Amino acid sequence: ASSLVYEKWKKRCHSMEIIPVELAGKGRRLREKPYTTIQEGAKDIFNIILSETQVDKHYAILGHSMGGIFAYEVAKLINLHEFNPPEFIFLSGIESPDILKNNPKISLLSDKKFWHEIYNLGGLDQFILENNKLINFYLPIIKHDYYILDIYEDNQMQLPYKGILFIGNKDHVNKRKVELWQNRFVDKIKIYEFEGNHFFIYERYEEILDIISRILCMEG
């Protein structure tokens, strides 16, 4: 999704600064070539964080769905380069890499079957579903996202940061699938469940922001 979906987060939240990151091939960077791997995207995001974050500034990283894998890979780079560490890594609506690697490779499906799988996730605007031009526009973009997830390989690094997991109670990414994220964090992870499907983060963003604010305030 475009970073524009987080604009209402910025309007709602006054206790912390929210900096949405635009990925190549999305939104304002639509004309740029999309990433060929998750790791390539993580390097790009890492460089954005370097340019946006002061050396001594407190910050956290949040990623939803595929963005959660980007967040994990970015955290690896932060640890590797010994950059100012994040207070927390918030991973939303994404299963552990241990589960992800065994998921069906839906990017290999026909366009019709692939679109059916995306439809079943919920969250797609009815206007898009009824507009063939929009479907033809978004289909290759979404399919490419799934392709780089399908070929993603994880080196199983354990992160020395605090991990917080968000899930929807009607999402296919359930508690069992996210509990295995514990294998990627040294400290004990914490899981929060919200009402909703895979796109609960957009519908329950006020609750999520309140929880993030409380967590960061307690840490501060």
N, C-alpha and C. Protein backbone atom coordinates (compact mmCIF):
# COMPACT_ATOMS: atom_id res chain seq x y z
N ALA A 1 0.83 -1.19 0.00
CA ALA A 1 0.00 0.00 0.00
C ALA A 1 0.87 1.25 0.00
N SER A 2 0.30 2.34 -0.45
CA SER A 2 1.00 3.62 -0.41
C SER A 2 1.11 4.11 1.02
N SER A 3 2.13 4.93 1.27
CA SER A 3 2.32 5.50 2.61
C SER A 3 1.18 6.44 2.98
N LEU A 4 0.36 6.81 1.99
CA LEU A 4 -0.75 7.73 2.25
C LEU A 4 -1.76 7.15 3.24
N VAL A 5 -1.80 5.81 3.35
CA VAL A 5 -2.77 5.20 4.28
C VAL A 5 -2.45 5.57 5.73
N TYR A 6 -1.23 6.03 5.97
CA TYR A 6 -0.85 6.39 7.34
C TYR A 6 -1.00 7.89 7.62
N GLU A 7 -1.51 8.62 6.65
CA GLU A 7 -1.68 10.06 6.87
C GLU A 7 -2.66 10.35 8.01
N LYS A 8 -3.73 9.54 8.12
CA LYS A 8 -4.68 9.79 9.20
C LYS A 8 -4.08 9.42 10.55
N TRP A 9 -3.08 8.56 10.56
CA TRP A 9 -2.36 8.29 11.80
C TRP A 9 -1.68 9.56 12.29
N LYS A 10 -1.08 10.29 11.35
CA LYS A 10 -0.37 11.53 11.70
C LYS A 10 -1.34 12.57 12.26
N LYS A 11 -2.55 12.62 11.68
CA LYS A 11 -3.55 13.58 12.14
C LYS A 11 -4.10 13.21 13.51
N ARG A 12 -4.18 11.91 13.78
CA ARG A 12 -4.75 11.43 15.04
C ARG A 12 -3.76 11.50 16.20
N CYS A 13 -2.48 11.34 15.90
CA CYS A 13 -1.48 11.21 16.95
C CYS A 13 -0.67 12.49 17.11
N HIS A 14 -0.62 12.99 18.37
CA HIS A 14 0.16 14.19 18.66
C HIS A 14 1.26 13.93 19.68
N SER A 15 1.31 12.71 20.21
CA SER A 15 2.29 12.39 21.25
C SER A 15 3.63 11.93 20.66
N MET A 16 3.65 11.63 19.36
CA MET A 16 4.88 11.18 18.72
C MET A 16 4.84 11.54 17.24
N GLU A 17 6.01 11.62 16.64
CA GLU A 17 6.10 11.93 15.22
C GLU A 17 6.01 10.63 14.42
N ILE A 18 5.15 10.62 13.42
CA ILE A 18 4.99 9.45 12.56
C ILE A 18 5.57 9.78 11.19
N ILE A 19 6.48 8.94 10.72
CA ILE A 19 7.13 9.15 9.43
C ILE A 19 6.83 7.96 8.53
N PRO A 20 5.79 8.05 7.68
CA PRO A 20 5.50 6.96 6.75
C PRO A 20 6.61 6.83 5.70
N VAL A 21 6.99 5.62 5.39
CA VAL A 21 8.03 5.37 4.40
C VAL A 21 7.38 4.90 3.10
N GLU A 22 7.67 5.60 2.02
CA GLU A 22 7.13 5.23 0.71
C GLU A 22 8.08 4.25 0.04
N LEU A 23 7.56 3.11 -0.36
CA LEU A 23 8.37 2.09 -1.03
C LEU A 23 8.47 2.38 -2.52
N ALA A 24 9.57 1.98 -3.11
CA ALA A 24 9.74 2.14 -4.56
C ALA A 24 8.63 1.38 -5.29
N GLY A 25 8.05 2.03 -6.31
CA GLY A 25 6.97 1.41 -7.07
C GLY A 25 5.60 1.62 -6.48
N LYS A 26 5.51 2.43 -5.41
CA LYS A 26 4.24 2.71 -4.73
C LYS A 26 4.02 4.22 -4.62
N GLY A 27 2.77 4.64 -4.57
CA GLY A 27 2.41 6.02 -4.26
C GLY A 27 3.25 7.05 -4.98
N ARG A 28 3.89 7.90 -4.20
CA ARG A 28 4.70 8.99 -4.78
C ARG A 28 5.93 8.48 -5.52
N ARG A 29 6.29 7.21 -5.31
CA ARG A 29 7.45 6.62 -6.00
C ARG A 29 7.02 5.58 -7.03
N LEU A 30 5.81 5.77 -7.54
CA LEU A 30 5.21 4.80 -8.45
C LEU A 30 6.05 4.58 -9.70
N ARG A 31 6.71 5.62 -10.19
CA ARG A 31 7.49 5.51 -11.42
C ARG A 31 8.83 4.81 -11.22
N GLU A 32 9.21 4.59 -9.98
CA GLU A 32 10.47 3.90 -9.71
C GLU A 32 10.31 2.39 -9.86
N LYS A 33 11.39 1.74 -10.19
CA LYS A 33 11.37 0.28 -10.36
C LYS A 33 11.15 -0.39 -9.01
N PRO A 34 10.20 -1.31 -8.91
CA PRO A 34 9.97 -2.00 -7.63
C PRO A 34 11.16 -2.88 -7.24
N TYR A 35 11.25 -3.18 -5.97
CA TYR A 35 12.35 -4.00 -5.47
C TYR A 35 12.29 -5.41 -6.06
N THR A 36 13.45 -5.98 -6.30
CA THR A 36 13.50 -7.36 -6.81
C THR A 36 13.55 -8.38 -5.68
N THR A 37 13.94 -7.93 -4.48
CA THR A 37 13.96 -8.80 -3.31
C THR A 37 13.57 -7.99 -2.07
N ILE A 38 13.18 -8.68 -1.03
CA ILE A 38 12.89 -8.03 0.25
C ILE A 38 14.14 -7.32 0.77
N GLN A 39 15.28 -7.98 0.63
CA GLN A 39 16.53 -7.40 1.14
C GLN A 39 16.90 -6.10 0.43
N GLU A 40 16.62 -6.02 -0.87
CA GLU A 40 16.88 -4.78 -1.60
C GLU A 40 16.01 -3.65 -1.05
N GLY A 41 14.76 -3.95 -0.80
CA GLY A 41 13.86 -2.95 -0.22
C GLY A 41 14.30 -2.54 1.18
N ALA A 42 14.77 -3.51 1.96
CA ALA A 42 15.21 -3.21 3.33
C ALA A 42 16.39 -2.24 3.33
N LYS A 43 17.30 -2.40 2.38
CA LYS A 43 18.44 -1.48 2.28
C LYS A 43 17.97 -0.07 1.97
N ASP A 44 16.99 0.04 1.09
CA ASP A 44 16.44 1.35 0.74
C ASP A 44 15.78 1.99 1.96
N ILE A 45 14.98 1.22 2.68
CA ILE A 45 14.30 1.74 3.88
C ILE A 45 15.32 2.10 4.96
N PHE A 46 16.34 1.28 5.10
CA PHE A 46 17.40 1.56 6.07
C PHE A 46 18.05 2.92 5.79
N ASN A 47 18.31 3.19 4.53
CA ASN A 47 18.92 4.47 4.15
C ASN A 47 17.97 5.64 4.43
N ILE A 48 16.68 5.41 4.25
CA ILE A 48 15.69 6.44 4.58
C ILE A 48 15.70 6.73 6.08
N ILE A 49 15.76 5.67 6.88
CA ILE A 49 15.82 5.84 8.34
C ILE A 49 17.08 6.60 8.74
N LEU A 50 18.19 6.30 8.10
CA LEU A 50 19.44 7.01 8.39
C LEU A 50 19.29 8.50 8.13
N SER A 51 18.56 8.84 7.07
CA SER A 51 18.41 10.25 6.71
C SER A 51 17.36 10.96 7.57
N GLU A 52 16.43 10.20 8.14
CA GLU A 52 15.32 10.79 8.89
C GLU A 52 15.55 10.79 10.40
N THR A 53 16.43 9.94 10.88
CA THR A 53 16.58 9.73 12.32
C THR A 53 17.92 10.26 12.82
N GLN A 54 17.87 11.08 13.84
CA GLN A 54 19.09 11.59 14.45
C GLN A 54 19.77 10.48 15.25
N VAL A 55 21.07 10.64 15.44
CA VAL A 55 21.88 9.60 16.08
C VAL A 55 21.35 9.25 17.47
N ASP A 56 20.90 10.26 18.22
CA ASP A 56 20.47 10.03 19.60
C ASP A 56 18.94 10.04 19.75
N LYS A 57 18.21 9.95 18.65
CA LYS A 57 16.76 10.05 18.69
C LYS A 57 16.11 8.70 19.02
N HIS A 58 15.10 8.72 19.90
CA HIS A 58 14.34 7.50 20.20
C HIS A 58 13.33 7.27 19.08
N TYR A 59 13.21 6.02 18.66
CA TYR A 59 12.26 5.71 17.59
C TYR A 59 11.87 4.24 17.65
N ALA A 60 10.82 3.91 16.93
CA ALA A 60 10.37 2.52 16.79
C ALA A 60 10.04 2.29 15.32
N ILE A 61 9.94 1.04 14.92
CA ILE A 61 9.64 0.69 13.53
C ILE A 61 8.37 -0.16 13.52
N LEU A 62 7.47 0.16 12.60
CA LEU A 62 6.25 -0.62 12.43
C LEU A 62 6.09 -1.03 10.97
N GLY A 63 5.70 -2.27 10.76
CA GLY A 63 5.40 -2.74 9.41
C GLY A 63 4.21 -3.66 9.43
N HIS A 64 3.32 -3.49 8.46
CA HIS A 64 2.13 -4.35 8.37
C HIS A 64 2.23 -5.26 7.16
N SER A 65 1.83 -6.52 7.34
CA SER A 65 1.83 -7.52 6.28
C SER A 65 3.24 -7.64 5.69
N MET A 66 3.42 -7.49 4.39
CA MET A 66 4.76 -7.56 3.82
C MET A 66 5.68 -6.52 4.47
N GLY A 67 5.11 -5.39 4.88
CA GLY A 67 5.88 -4.37 5.56
C GLY A 67 6.51 -4.88 6.85
N GLY A 68 5.90 -5.90 7.46
CA GLY A 68 6.46 -6.50 8.65
C GLY A 68 7.77 -7.23 8.36
N ILE A 69 7.84 -7.89 7.20
CA ILE A 69 9.09 -8.55 6.81
C ILE A 69 10.15 -7.50 6.48
N PHE A 70 9.73 -6.41 5.81
CA PHE A 70 10.68 -5.32 5.57
C PHE A 70 11.22 -4.80 6.91
N ALA A 71 10.32 -4.60 7.89
CA ALA A 71 10.73 -4.08 9.19
C ALA A 71 11.75 -5.01 9.86
N TYR A 72 11.50 -6.30 9.77
CA TYR A 72 12.42 -7.29 10.35
C TYR A 72 13.79 -7.22 9.68
N GLU A 73 13.80 -7.13 8.35
CA GLU A 73 15.07 -7.07 7.62
C GLU A 73 15.80 -5.76 7.88
N VAL A 74 15.05 -4.67 8.01
CA VAL A 74 15.66 -3.38 8.35
C VAL A 74 16.31 -3.45 9.73
N ALA A 75 15.61 -4.09 10.67
CA ALA A 75 16.15 -4.24 12.03
C ALA A 75 17.46 -5.03 12.02
N LYS A 76 17.55 -6.02 11.13
CA LYS A 76 18.80 -6.77 11.00
C LYS A 76 19.93 -5.84 10.57
N LEU A 77 19.66 -4.96 9.59
CA LEU A 77 20.68 -4.04 9.10
C LEU A 77 21.09 -3.05 10.19
N ILE A 78 20.11 -2.59 10.95
CA ILE A 78 20.40 -1.66 12.06
C ILE A 78 21.34 -2.34 13.05
N ASN A 79 21.05 -3.59 13.37
CA ASN A 79 21.90 -4.34 14.30
C ASN A 79 23.28 -4.59 13.71
N LEU A 80 23.33 -4.95 12.45
CA LEU A 80 24.59 -5.25 11.77
C LEU A 80 25.52 -4.03 11.73
N HIS A 81 24.93 -2.87 11.45
CA HIS A 81 25.72 -1.64 11.31
C HIS A 81 25.86 -0.87 12.63
N GLU A 82 25.29 -1.46 13.70
CA GLU A 82 25.38 -0.86 15.03
C GLU A 82 24.86 0.58 15.05
N PHE A 83 23.78 0.79 14.31
CA PHE A 83 23.12 2.09 14.29
C PHE A 83 22.28 2.25 15.56
N ASN A 84 21.92 3.48 15.88
CA ASN A 84 21.05 3.77 17.01
C ASN A 84 19.86 2.80 17.01
N PRO A 85 19.71 1.94 18.02
CA PRO A 85 18.69 0.89 17.98
C PRO A 85 17.28 1.42 18.22
N PRO A 86 16.27 0.78 17.60
CA PRO A 86 14.88 1.17 17.86
C PRO A 86 14.44 0.72 19.24
N GLU A 87 13.50 1.47 19.82
CA GLU A 87 12.94 1.07 21.12
C GLU A 87 12.16 -0.23 20.98
N PHE A 88 11.40 -0.34 19.90
CA PHE A 88 10.57 -1.52 19.64
C PHE A 88 10.48 -1.77 18.14
N ILE A 89 10.20 -3.03 17.81
CA ILE A 89 9.83 -3.42 16.45
C ILE A 89 8.38 -3.89 16.52
N PHE A 90 7.48 -3.18 15.85
CA PHE A 90 6.06 -3.56 15.81
C PHE A 90 5.78 -4.27 14.49
N LEU A 91 5.37 -5.52 14.58
CA LEU A 91 5.07 -6.33 13.39
C LEU A 91 3.58 -6.65 13.38
N SER A 92 2.92 -6.29 12.30
CA SER A 92 1.46 -6.39 12.25
C SER A 92 1.00 -7.26 11.08
N GLY A 93 0.13 -8.21 11.37
CA GLY A 93 -0.50 -9.01 10.32
C GLY A 93 0.48 -9.79 9.47
N ILE A 94 1.55 -10.29 10.07
CA ILE A 94 2.52 -11.08 9.30
C ILE A 94 2.98 -12.28 10.12
N GLU A 95 2.93 -13.44 9.51
CA GLU A 95 3.36 -14.64 10.19
C GLU A 95 4.89 -14.70 10.28
N SER A 96 5.37 -15.55 11.16
CA SER A 96 6.80 -15.76 11.31
C SER A 96 7.40 -16.29 10.01
N PRO A 97 8.67 -15.95 9.73
CA PRO A 97 9.34 -16.53 8.56
C PRO A 97 9.31 -18.05 8.54
N ASP A 98 9.24 -18.68 9.72
CA ASP A 98 9.17 -20.14 9.78
C ASP A 98 7.88 -20.66 9.14
N ILE A 99 6.81 -19.89 9.24
CA ILE A 99 5.53 -20.23 8.60
C ILE A 99 5.52 -19.75 7.15
N LEU A 100 6.03 -18.55 6.95
CA LEU A 100 5.99 -17.90 5.63
C LEU A 100 6.66 -18.76 4.56
N LYS A 101 7.77 -19.38 4.90
CA LYS A 101 8.52 -20.15 3.91
C LYS A 101 7.75 -21.36 3.39
N ASN A 102 6.76 -21.81 4.16
CA ASN A 102 5.97 -22.98 3.75
C ASN A 102 4.61 -22.62 3.16
N ASN A 103 4.32 -21.32 3.06
CA ASN A 103 3.05 -20.88 2.48
C ASN A 103 2.98 -21.21 0.99
N PRO A 104 1.77 -21.43 0.45
CA PRO A 104 1.63 -21.62 -1.00
C PRO A 104 2.17 -20.40 -1.75
N LYS A 105 2.84 -20.62 -2.85
CA LYS A 105 3.42 -19.54 -3.66
C LYS A 105 2.34 -18.98 -4.58
N ILE A 106 1.53 -18.06 -4.05
CA ILE A 106 0.37 -17.61 -4.81
C ILE A 106 0.73 -16.70 -5.96
N SER A 107 1.96 -16.19 -6.00
CA SER A 107 2.36 -15.37 -7.14
C SER A 107 2.45 -16.21 -8.42
N LEU A 108 2.47 -17.53 -8.27
CA LEU A 108 2.53 -18.42 -9.44
C LEU A 108 1.15 -18.76 -10.00
N LEU A 109 0.11 -18.34 -9.29
CA LEU A 109 -1.25 -18.62 -9.74
C LEU A 109 -1.60 -17.79 -10.98
N SER A 110 -2.62 -18.24 -11.68
CA SER A 110 -3.15 -17.43 -12.79
C SER A 110 -3.70 -16.13 -12.20
N ASP A 111 -3.85 -15.12 -13.05
CA ASP A 111 -4.34 -13.83 -12.56
C ASP A 111 -5.70 -13.98 -11.89
N LYS A 112 -6.57 -14.80 -12.47
CA LYS A 112 -7.92 -14.97 -11.93
C LYS A 112 -7.88 -15.61 -10.55
N LYS A 113 -7.09 -16.68 -10.39
CA LYS A 113 -7.00 -17.37 -9.10
C LYS A 113 -6.28 -16.50 -8.08
N PHE A 114 -5.28 -15.76 -8.55
CA PHE A 114 -4.55 -14.88 -7.64
C PHE A 114 -5.47 -13.79 -7.09
N TRP A 115 -6.24 -13.18 -7.97
CA TRP A 115 -7.16 -12.11 -7.54
C TRP A 115 -8.19 -12.64 -6.56
N HIS A 116 -8.61 -13.89 -6.76
CA HIS A 116 -9.57 -14.52 -5.84
C HIS A 116 -8.95 -14.64 -4.44
N GLU A 117 -7.67 -15.01 -4.38
CA GLU A 117 -6.98 -15.13 -3.09
C GLU A 117 -6.90 -13.77 -2.40
N ILE A 118 -6.59 -12.72 -3.16
CA ILE A 118 -6.49 -11.37 -2.60
C ILE A 118 -7.87 -10.90 -2.11
N TYR A 119 -8.89 -11.19 -2.88
CA TYR A 119 -10.25 -10.82 -2.50
C TYR A 119 -10.63 -11.44 -1.16
N ASN A 120 -10.22 -12.69 -0.96
CA ASN A 120 -10.56 -13.40 0.27
C ASN A 120 -9.90 -12.81 1.52
N LEU A 121 -8.84 -12.05 1.33
CA LEU A 121 -8.20 -11.38 2.46
C LEU A 121 -9.09 -10.29 3.03
N GLY A 122 -9.97 -9.74 2.18
CA GLY A 122 -10.81 -8.62 2.59
C GLY A 122 -10.05 -7.32 2.48
N GLY A 123 -10.76 -6.21 2.64
CA GLY A 123 -10.10 -4.92 2.69
C GLY A 123 -10.01 -4.18 1.37
N LEU A 124 -10.30 -4.88 0.26
CA LEU A 124 -10.27 -4.21 -1.03
C LEU A 124 -11.51 -3.37 -1.22
N ASP A 125 -11.32 -2.16 -1.69
CA ASP A 125 -12.44 -1.26 -1.94
C ASP A 125 -13.34 -1.83 -3.03
N GLN A 126 -14.64 -1.80 -2.80
CA GLN A 126 -15.60 -2.34 -3.76
C GLN A 126 -15.47 -1.63 -5.11
N PHE A 127 -15.10 -0.36 -5.08
CA PHE A 127 -14.94 0.40 -6.32
C PHE A 127 -13.84 -0.22 -7.19
N ILE A 128 -12.77 -0.69 -6.54
CA ILE A 128 -11.69 -1.35 -7.29
C ILE A 128 -12.17 -2.68 -7.84
N LEU A 129 -12.89 -3.44 -7.02
CA LEU A 129 -13.36 -4.76 -7.44
C LEU A 129 -14.29 -4.71 -8.64
N GLU A 130 -14.97 -3.59 -8.81
CA GLU A 130 -15.94 -3.46 -9.91
C GLU A 130 -15.37 -2.67 -11.09
N ASN A 131 -14.09 -2.35 -11.05
CA ASN A 131 -13.49 -1.53 -12.10
C ASN A 131 -12.33 -2.30 -12.73
N ASN A 132 -12.54 -2.79 -13.95
CA ASN A 132 -11.52 -3.61 -14.61
C ASN A 132 -10.22 -2.86 -14.85
N LYS A 133 -10.31 -1.56 -15.13
CA LYS A 133 -9.10 -0.77 -15.36
C LYS A 133 -8.25 -0.72 -14.10
N LEU A 134 -8.90 -0.53 -12.95
CA LEU A 134 -8.17 -0.49 -11.68
C LEU A 134 -7.60 -1.86 -11.32
N ILE A 135 -8.38 -2.90 -11.60
CA ILE A 135 -7.89 -4.25 -11.35
C ILE A 135 -6.63 -4.51 -12.18
N ASN A 136 -6.68 -4.14 -13.47
CA ASN A 136 -5.53 -4.35 -14.35
C ASN A 136 -4.32 -3.51 -13.92
N PHE A 137 -4.59 -2.37 -13.28
CA PHE A 137 -3.50 -1.51 -12.80
C PHE A 137 -2.86 -2.10 -11.54
N TYR A 138 -3.69 -2.51 -10.58
CA TYR A 138 -3.16 -2.97 -9.30
C TYR A 138 -2.67 -4.41 -9.30
N LEU A 139 -3.23 -5.23 -10.18
CA LEU A 139 -2.90 -6.66 -10.17
C LEU A 139 -1.40 -6.93 -10.28
N PRO A 140 -0.70 -6.38 -11.29
CA PRO A 140 0.75 -6.68 -11.37
C PRO A 140 1.55 -6.13 -10.20
N ILE A 141 1.11 -5.02 -9.61
CA ILE A 141 1.81 -4.45 -8.46
C ILE A 141 1.69 -5.38 -7.25
N ILE A 142 0.45 -5.83 -6.98
CA ILE A 142 0.23 -6.71 -5.84
C ILE A 142 0.89 -8.07 -6.07
N LYS A 143 0.80 -8.54 -7.30
CA LYS A 143 1.38 -9.86 -7.61
C LYS A 143 2.90 -9.84 -7.44
N HIS A 144 3.51 -8.72 -7.78
CA HIS A 144 4.96 -8.61 -7.60
C HIS A 144 5.33 -8.60 -6.11
N ASP A 145 4.49 -7.95 -5.30
CA ASP A 145 4.72 -7.98 -3.85
C ASP A 145 4.76 -9.42 -3.35
N TYR A 146 3.81 -10.21 -3.81
CA TYR A 146 3.75 -11.60 -3.37
C TYR A 146 4.92 -12.41 -3.94
N TYR A 147 5.37 -12.03 -5.11
CA TYR A 147 6.51 -12.73 -5.71
C TYR A 147 7.76 -12.58 -4.84
N ILE A 148 8.05 -11.34 -4.39
CA ILE A 148 9.26 -11.16 -3.59
C ILE A 148 9.10 -11.79 -2.20
N LEU A 149 7.87 -11.93 -1.74
CA LEU A 149 7.63 -12.68 -0.51
C LEU A 149 7.84 -14.18 -0.74
N ASP A 150 7.38 -14.66 -1.90
CA ASP A 150 7.51 -16.08 -2.22
C ASP A 150 8.97 -16.51 -2.32
N ILE A 151 9.85 -15.62 -2.79
CA ILE A 151 11.26 -16.00 -2.95
C ILE A 151 12.12 -15.56 -1.76
N TYR A 152 11.48 -14.99 -0.74
CA TYR A 152 12.20 -14.47 0.42
C TYR A 152 12.90 -15.59 1.18
N GLU A 153 14.17 -15.35 1.55
CA GLU A 153 14.93 -16.28 2.37
C GLU A 153 15.46 -15.55 3.59
N ASP A 154 15.26 -16.14 4.74
CA ASP A 154 15.61 -15.53 6.02
C ASP A 154 16.83 -16.23 6.61
N ASN A 155 17.78 -15.44 7.12
CA ASN A 155 18.96 -16.04 7.74
C ASN A 155 18.79 -16.32 9.23
N GLN A 156 17.56 -16.13 9.72
CA GLN A 156 17.18 -16.52 11.08
C GLN A 156 17.96 -15.78 12.18
N MET A 157 18.27 -14.52 11.92
CA MET A 157 18.96 -13.72 12.94
C MET A 157 18.00 -13.41 14.09
N GLN A 158 18.50 -13.54 15.31
CA GLN A 158 17.74 -13.12 16.49
C GLN A 158 18.05 -11.66 16.78
N LEU A 159 17.01 -10.88 16.97
CA LEU A 159 17.17 -9.45 17.18
C LEU A 159 17.24 -9.12 18.68
N PRO A 160 18.14 -8.21 19.05
CA PRO A 160 18.25 -7.81 20.47
C PRO A 160 17.30 -6.67 20.81
N TYR A 161 16.18 -6.57 20.10
CA TYR A 161 15.20 -5.51 20.31
C TYR A 161 13.90 -6.12 20.84
N LYS A 162 13.01 -5.27 21.31
CA LYS A 162 11.73 -5.73 21.84
C LYS A 162 10.71 -5.84 20.71
N GLY A 163 10.09 -7.00 20.59
CA GLY A 163 9.13 -7.25 19.52
C GLY A 163 7.70 -7.24 20.01
N ILE A 164 6.85 -6.47 19.32
CA ILE A 164 5.42 -6.41 19.61
C ILE A 164 4.68 -6.85 18.36
N LEU A 165 3.75 -7.80 18.52
CA LEU A 165 3.01 -8.35 17.39
C LEU A 165 1.54 -7.95 17.46
N PHE A 166 0.98 -7.53 16.31
CA PHE A 166 -0.43 -7.20 16.20
C PHE A 166 -1.09 -8.19 15.24
N ILE A 167 -2.27 -8.70 15.63
CA ILE A 167 -3.01 -9.61 14.74
C ILE A 167 -4.49 -9.26 14.77
N GLY A 168 -5.20 -9.67 13.70
CA GLY A 168 -6.65 -9.53 13.64
C GLY A 168 -7.30 -10.87 13.98
N ASN A 169 -8.38 -10.84 14.73
CA ASN A 169 -9.00 -12.11 15.18
C ASN A 169 -9.73 -12.85 14.06
N LYS A 170 -9.88 -12.21 12.89
CA LYS A 170 -10.51 -12.88 11.75
C LYS A 170 -9.51 -13.05 10.59
N ASP A 171 -8.26 -12.83 10.88
CA ASP A 171 -7.22 -12.93 9.85
C ASP A 171 -6.68 -14.35 9.78
N HIS A 172 -6.20 -14.75 8.60
CA HIS A 172 -5.55 -16.05 8.48
C HIS A 172 -4.22 -16.08 9.22
N VAL A 173 -3.64 -14.89 9.45
CA VAL A 173 -2.42 -14.80 10.25
C VAL A 173 -2.84 -14.81 11.72
N ASN A 174 -2.91 -16.01 12.28
CA ASN A 174 -3.44 -16.16 13.64
C ASN A 174 -2.31 -16.21 14.69
N LYS A 175 -2.71 -16.36 15.93
CA LYS A 175 -1.75 -16.32 17.03
C LYS A 175 -0.68 -17.39 16.91
N ARG A 176 -1.09 -18.59 16.50
CA ARG A 176 -0.12 -19.68 16.35
C ARG A 176 0.97 -19.32 15.35
N LYS A 177 0.58 -18.62 14.28
CA LYS A 177 1.54 -18.28 13.23
C LYS A 177 2.50 -17.16 13.63
N VAL A 178 2.06 -16.31 14.56
CA VAL A 178 2.94 -15.20 14.96
C VAL A 178 3.75 -15.55 16.22
N GLU A 179 3.31 -16.54 16.98
CA GLU A 179 4.06 -16.91 18.19
C GLU A 179 5.48 -17.35 17.85
N LEU A 180 5.66 -17.91 16.64
CA LEU A 180 6.99 -18.37 16.25
C LEU A 180 7.96 -17.23 15.98
N TRP A 181 7.45 -15.98 15.96
CA TRP A 181 8.36 -14.83 15.88
C TRP A 181 9.30 -14.81 17.09
N GLN A 182 8.92 -15.51 18.14
CA GLN A 182 9.78 -15.55 19.33
C GLN A 182 11.18 -16.06 18.96
N ASN A 183 11.26 -16.91 17.93
CA ASN A 183 12.55 -17.43 17.50
C ASN A 183 13.46 -16.35 16.92
N ARG A 184 12.89 -15.18 16.61
CA ARG A 184 13.67 -14.10 15.99
C ARG A 184 13.97 -12.95 16.95
N PHE A 185 13.57 -13.09 18.20
CA PHE A 185 13.82 -12.06 19.21
C PHE A 185 14.45 -12.68 20.45
N VAL A 186 15.44 -12.00 21.01
CA VAL A 186 16.07 -12.47 22.25
C VAL A 186 15.10 -12.32 23.42
N ASP A 187 14.49 -11.14 23.53
CA ASP A 187 13.52 -10.89 24.61
C ASP A 187 12.16 -11.49 24.27
N LYS A 188 11.35 -11.69 25.28
CA LYS A 188 10.01 -12.25 25.07
C LYS A 188 9.14 -11.28 24.30
N ILE A 189 8.48 -11.78 23.25
CA ILE A 189 7.58 -10.94 22.45
C ILE A 189 6.23 -10.80 23.14
N LYS A 190 5.46 -9.80 22.73
CA LYS A 190 4.11 -9.61 23.24
C LYS A 190 3.15 -9.50 22.06
N ILE A 191 1.98 -10.13 22.18
CA ILE A 191 1.02 -10.18 21.08
C ILE A 191 -0.27 -9.48 21.50
N TYR A 192 -0.77 -8.60 20.63
CA TYR A 192 -2.05 -7.92 20.83
C TYR A 192 -3.00 -8.33 19.71
N GLU A 193 -4.22 -8.68 20.09
CA GLU A 193 -5.23 -9.10 19.10
C GLU A 193 -6.32 -8.04 19.00
N PHE A 194 -6.74 -7.78 17.74
CA PHE A 194 -7.77 -6.77 17.46
C PHE A 194 -8.90 -7.40 16.66
N GLU A 195 -10.04 -6.75 16.72
CA GLU A 195 -11.18 -7.17 15.90
C GLU A 195 -10.88 -6.84 14.45
N GLY A 196 -11.07 -7.82 13.55
CA GLY A 196 -10.92 -7.52 12.13
C GLY A 196 -10.18 -8.58 11.34
N ASN A 197 -10.17 -8.38 10.01
CA ASN A 197 -9.49 -9.30 9.10
C ASN A 197 -8.04 -8.85 8.90
N HIS A 198 -7.48 -9.19 7.76
CA HIS A 198 -6.07 -8.89 7.51
C HIS A 198 -5.78 -7.38 7.53
N PHE A 199 -6.79 -6.58 7.26
CA PHE A 199 -6.59 -5.13 7.20
C PHE A 199 -7.10 -4.42 8.45
N PHE A 200 -7.09 -5.14 9.56
CA PHE A 200 -7.55 -4.57 10.83
C PHE A 200 -6.78 -3.30 11.20
N ILE A 201 -5.55 -3.20 10.75
CA ILE A 201 -4.69 -2.08 11.13
C ILE A 201 -5.25 -0.75 10.61
N TYR A 202 -6.01 -0.80 9.53
CA TYR A 202 -6.58 0.42 8.97
C TYR A 202 -7.89 0.79 9.68
N GLU A 203 -8.62 -0.22 10.11
CA GLU A 203 -9.90 0.03 10.77
C GLU A 203 -9.73 0.31 12.27
N ARG A 204 -8.71 -0.28 12.89
CA ARG A 204 -8.50 -0.16 14.33
C ARG A 204 -7.28 0.70 14.66
N TYR A 205 -6.97 1.60 13.76
CA TYR A 205 -5.72 2.36 13.93
C TYR A 205 -5.71 3.21 15.20
N GLU A 206 -6.89 3.69 15.63
CA GLU A 206 -6.91 4.51 16.85
C GLU A 206 -6.53 3.67 18.07
N GLU A 207 -7.07 2.46 18.15
CA GLU A 207 -6.71 1.56 19.26
C GLU A 207 -5.22 1.22 19.21
N ILE A 208 -4.75 0.97 18.00
CA ILE A 208 -3.34 0.60 17.83
C ILE A 208 -2.42 1.75 18.22
N LEU A 209 -2.78 2.96 17.80
CA LEU A 209 -1.98 4.13 18.17
C LEU A 209 -1.94 4.34 19.67
N ASP A 210 -3.09 4.12 20.33
CA ASP A 210 -3.14 4.27 21.79
C ASP A 210 -2.20 3.27 22.47
N ILE A 211 -2.19 2.04 21.98
CA ILE A 211 -1.33 1.01 22.56
C ILE A 211 0.14 1.35 22.32
N ILE A 212 0.46 1.76 21.09
CA ILE A 212 1.85 2.12 20.78
C ILE A 212 2.30 3.28 21.66
N SER A 213 1.44 4.28 21.80
CA SER A 213 1.77 5.45 22.63
C SER A 213 2.04 5.04 24.07
N ARG A 214 1.18 4.16 24.62
CA ARG A 214 1.35 3.72 26.00
C ARG A 214 2.66 2.95 26.17
N ILE A 215 2.95 2.08 25.21
CA ILE A 215 4.18 1.28 25.28
C ILE A 215 5.41 2.16 25.24
N LEU A 216 5.41 3.12 24.32
CA LEU A 216 6.58 3.99 24.18
C LEU A 216 6.72 4.93 25.38
N CYS A 217 5.60 5.37 25.92
CA CYS A 217 5.65 6.25 27.10
C CYS A 217 6.20 5.49 28.32
N MET A 218 5.77 4.23 28.48
CA MET A 218 6.27 3.42 29.59
C MET A 218 7.75 3.18 29.46
N GLU A 219 8.20 3.00 28.22
CA GLU A 219 9.62 2.76 27.97
C GLU A 219 10.42 4.02 28.25
N GLY A 220 9.81 5.18 27.87
CA GLY A 220 10.51 6.45 28.09
C GLY A 220 10.56 6.82 29.55
